Amino acid sequence: MTIHTHPHKSETILKGSISDQAELFGLLIKIRDLGLTLVDIRNLDNN
């Protein structure tokens, strides 16, 4: 997982592979527990 911050906006982008639904839910729970606002989730399938 990589973290990118946008220099002119108040946003951070997390980018990486999620192996399964359980891992995705774990990440979503961490985002919730940190009190962060989730704006967008995208599936960038490389197949």
N, C-alpha and C. Protein backbone atom coordinates (compact mmCIF):
# COMPACT_ATOMS: atom_id res chain seq x y z
N MET A 1 0.86 -1.16 0.00
CA MET A 1 0.00 0.00 0.00
C MET A 1 0.90 1.23 0.00
N THR A 2 0.63 2.16 -0.89
CA THR A 2 1.37 3.42 -0.92
C THR A 2 0.44 4.55 -0.54
N ILE A 3 1.01 5.61 0.00
CA ILE A 3 0.25 6.78 0.41
C ILE A 3 0.78 7.99 -0.35
N HIS A 4 -0.12 8.71 -1.00
CA HIS A 4 0.24 9.91 -1.74
C HIS A 4 -0.59 11.07 -1.21
N THR A 5 0.03 12.20 -0.98
CA THR A 5 -0.72 13.39 -0.59
C THR A 5 -0.72 14.37 -1.75
N HIS A 6 -1.83 15.05 -1.93
CA HIS A 6 -1.96 16.04 -3.00
C HIS A 6 -1.47 17.37 -2.47
N PRO A 7 -0.53 18.03 -3.16
CA PRO A 7 0.08 19.25 -2.63
C PRO A 7 -0.87 20.44 -2.51
N HIS A 8 -1.95 20.47 -3.29
CA HIS A 8 -2.84 21.63 -3.29
C HIS A 8 -4.24 21.33 -2.76
N LYS A 9 -4.47 20.12 -2.35
CA LYS A 9 -5.79 19.74 -1.82
C LYS A 9 -5.59 19.05 -0.49
N SER A 10 -6.64 19.01 0.28
CA SER A 10 -6.62 18.29 1.56
C SER A 10 -7.03 16.85 1.32
N GLU A 11 -6.24 16.11 0.60
CA GLU A 11 -6.59 14.71 0.36
C GLU A 11 -5.35 13.85 0.35
N THR A 12 -5.58 12.60 0.71
CA THR A 12 -4.54 11.59 0.70
C THR A 12 -5.06 10.41 -0.09
N ILE A 13 -4.22 9.84 -0.93
CA ILE A 13 -4.61 8.70 -1.76
C ILE A 13 -3.84 7.48 -1.30
N LEU A 14 -4.58 6.42 -0.97
CA LEU A 14 -3.99 5.12 -0.66
C LEU A 14 -4.11 4.27 -1.90
N LYS A 15 -3.02 3.66 -2.32
CA LYS A 15 -3.05 2.86 -3.54
C LYS A 15 -2.33 1.54 -3.29
N GLY A 16 -2.96 0.44 -3.65
CA GLY A 16 -2.32 -0.85 -3.48
C GLY A 16 -3.28 -1.98 -3.78
N SER A 17 -2.78 -3.17 -3.68
CA SER A 17 -3.58 -4.37 -3.95
C SER A 17 -4.25 -4.84 -2.67
N ILE A 18 -5.48 -5.26 -2.81
CA ILE A 18 -6.25 -5.86 -1.73
C ILE A 18 -6.51 -7.29 -2.17
N SER A 19 -6.09 -8.26 -1.36
CA SER A 19 -6.16 -9.66 -1.79
C SER A 19 -7.55 -10.27 -1.69
N ASP A 20 -8.36 -9.79 -0.76
CA ASP A 20 -9.70 -10.37 -0.63
C ASP A 20 -10.62 -9.39 0.11
N GLN A 21 -11.88 -9.78 0.23
CA GLN A 21 -12.88 -8.92 0.83
C GLN A 21 -12.58 -8.67 2.31
N ALA A 22 -12.06 -9.64 3.02
CA ALA A 22 -11.74 -9.47 4.44
C ALA A 22 -10.67 -8.38 4.62
N GLU A 23 -9.68 -8.37 3.74
CA GLU A 23 -8.63 -7.35 3.82
C GLU A 23 -9.21 -5.96 3.52
N LEU A 24 -10.11 -5.88 2.56
CA LEU A 24 -10.77 -4.60 2.24
C LEU A 24 -11.55 -4.10 3.45
N PHE A 25 -12.34 -4.97 4.08
CA PHE A 25 -13.12 -4.56 5.24
C PHE A 25 -12.22 -4.13 6.39
N GLY A 26 -11.09 -4.80 6.57
CA GLY A 26 -10.15 -4.40 7.61
C GLY A 26 -9.61 -3.00 7.37
N LEU A 27 -9.30 -2.68 6.12
CA LEU A 27 -8.82 -1.35 5.77
C LEU A 27 -9.91 -0.30 5.99
N LEU A 28 -11.14 -0.63 5.60
CA LEU A 28 -12.25 0.30 5.82
C LEU A 28 -12.49 0.56 7.30
N ILE A 29 -12.34 -0.46 8.12
CA ILE A 29 -12.51 -0.29 9.58
C ILE A 29 -11.42 0.62 10.13
N LYS A 30 -10.19 0.47 9.65
CA LYS A 30 -9.10 1.35 10.10
C LYS A 30 -9.37 2.80 9.72
N ILE A 31 -9.86 3.00 8.51
CA ILE A 31 -10.20 4.36 8.06
C ILE A 31 -11.29 4.94 8.95
N ARG A 32 -12.31 4.16 9.26
CA ARG A 32 -13.39 4.60 10.15
C ARG A 32 -12.87 4.90 11.54
N ASP A 33 -12.05 4.01 12.09
CA ASP A 33 -11.55 4.19 13.45
C ASP A 33 -10.66 5.43 13.58
N LEU A 34 -10.01 5.83 12.50
CA LEU A 34 -9.19 7.04 12.51
C LEU A 34 -10.03 8.31 12.34
N GLY A 35 -11.32 8.14 12.09
CA GLY A 35 -12.22 9.27 11.93
C GLY A 35 -12.03 9.99 10.60
N LEU A 36 -11.51 9.27 9.60
CA LEU A 36 -11.27 9.87 8.30
C LEU A 36 -12.54 9.82 7.45
N THR A 37 -12.65 10.76 6.53
CA THR A 37 -13.76 10.77 5.58
C THR A 37 -13.32 10.05 4.32
N LEU A 38 -14.05 9.01 3.98
CA LEU A 38 -13.76 8.25 2.76
C LEU A 38 -14.55 8.87 1.62
N VAL A 39 -13.85 9.31 0.59
CA VAL A 39 -14.48 10.02 -0.51
C VAL A 39 -14.74 9.08 -1.69
N ASP A 40 -13.83 8.17 -1.97
CA ASP A 40 -13.96 7.37 -3.19
C ASP A 40 -13.19 6.06 -3.04
N ILE A 41 -13.72 5.00 -3.64
CA ILE A 41 -13.03 3.72 -3.77
C ILE A 41 -13.12 3.33 -5.23
N ARG A 42 -12.01 2.94 -5.81
CA ARG A 42 -12.00 2.54 -7.22
C ARG A 42 -11.32 1.20 -7.38
N ASN A 43 -11.88 0.38 -8.26
CA ASN A 43 -11.28 -0.89 -8.62
C ASN A 43 -10.55 -0.68 -9.93
N LEU A 44 -9.23 -0.71 -9.87
CA LEU A 44 -8.42 -0.52 -11.07
C LEU A 44 -7.88 -1.87 -11.50
N ASP A 45 -8.77 -2.69 -12.04
CA ASP A 45 -8.42 -4.05 -12.45
C ASP A 45 -7.44 -3.99 -13.60
N ASN A 46 -6.29 -4.65 -13.43
CA ASN A 46 -5.23 -4.64 -14.44
C ASN A 46 -5.22 -5.88 -15.32
N ASN A 47 -6.31 -6.63 -15.35
CA ASN A 47 -6.35 -7.85 -16.17
C ASN A 47 -6.51 -7.53 -17.62
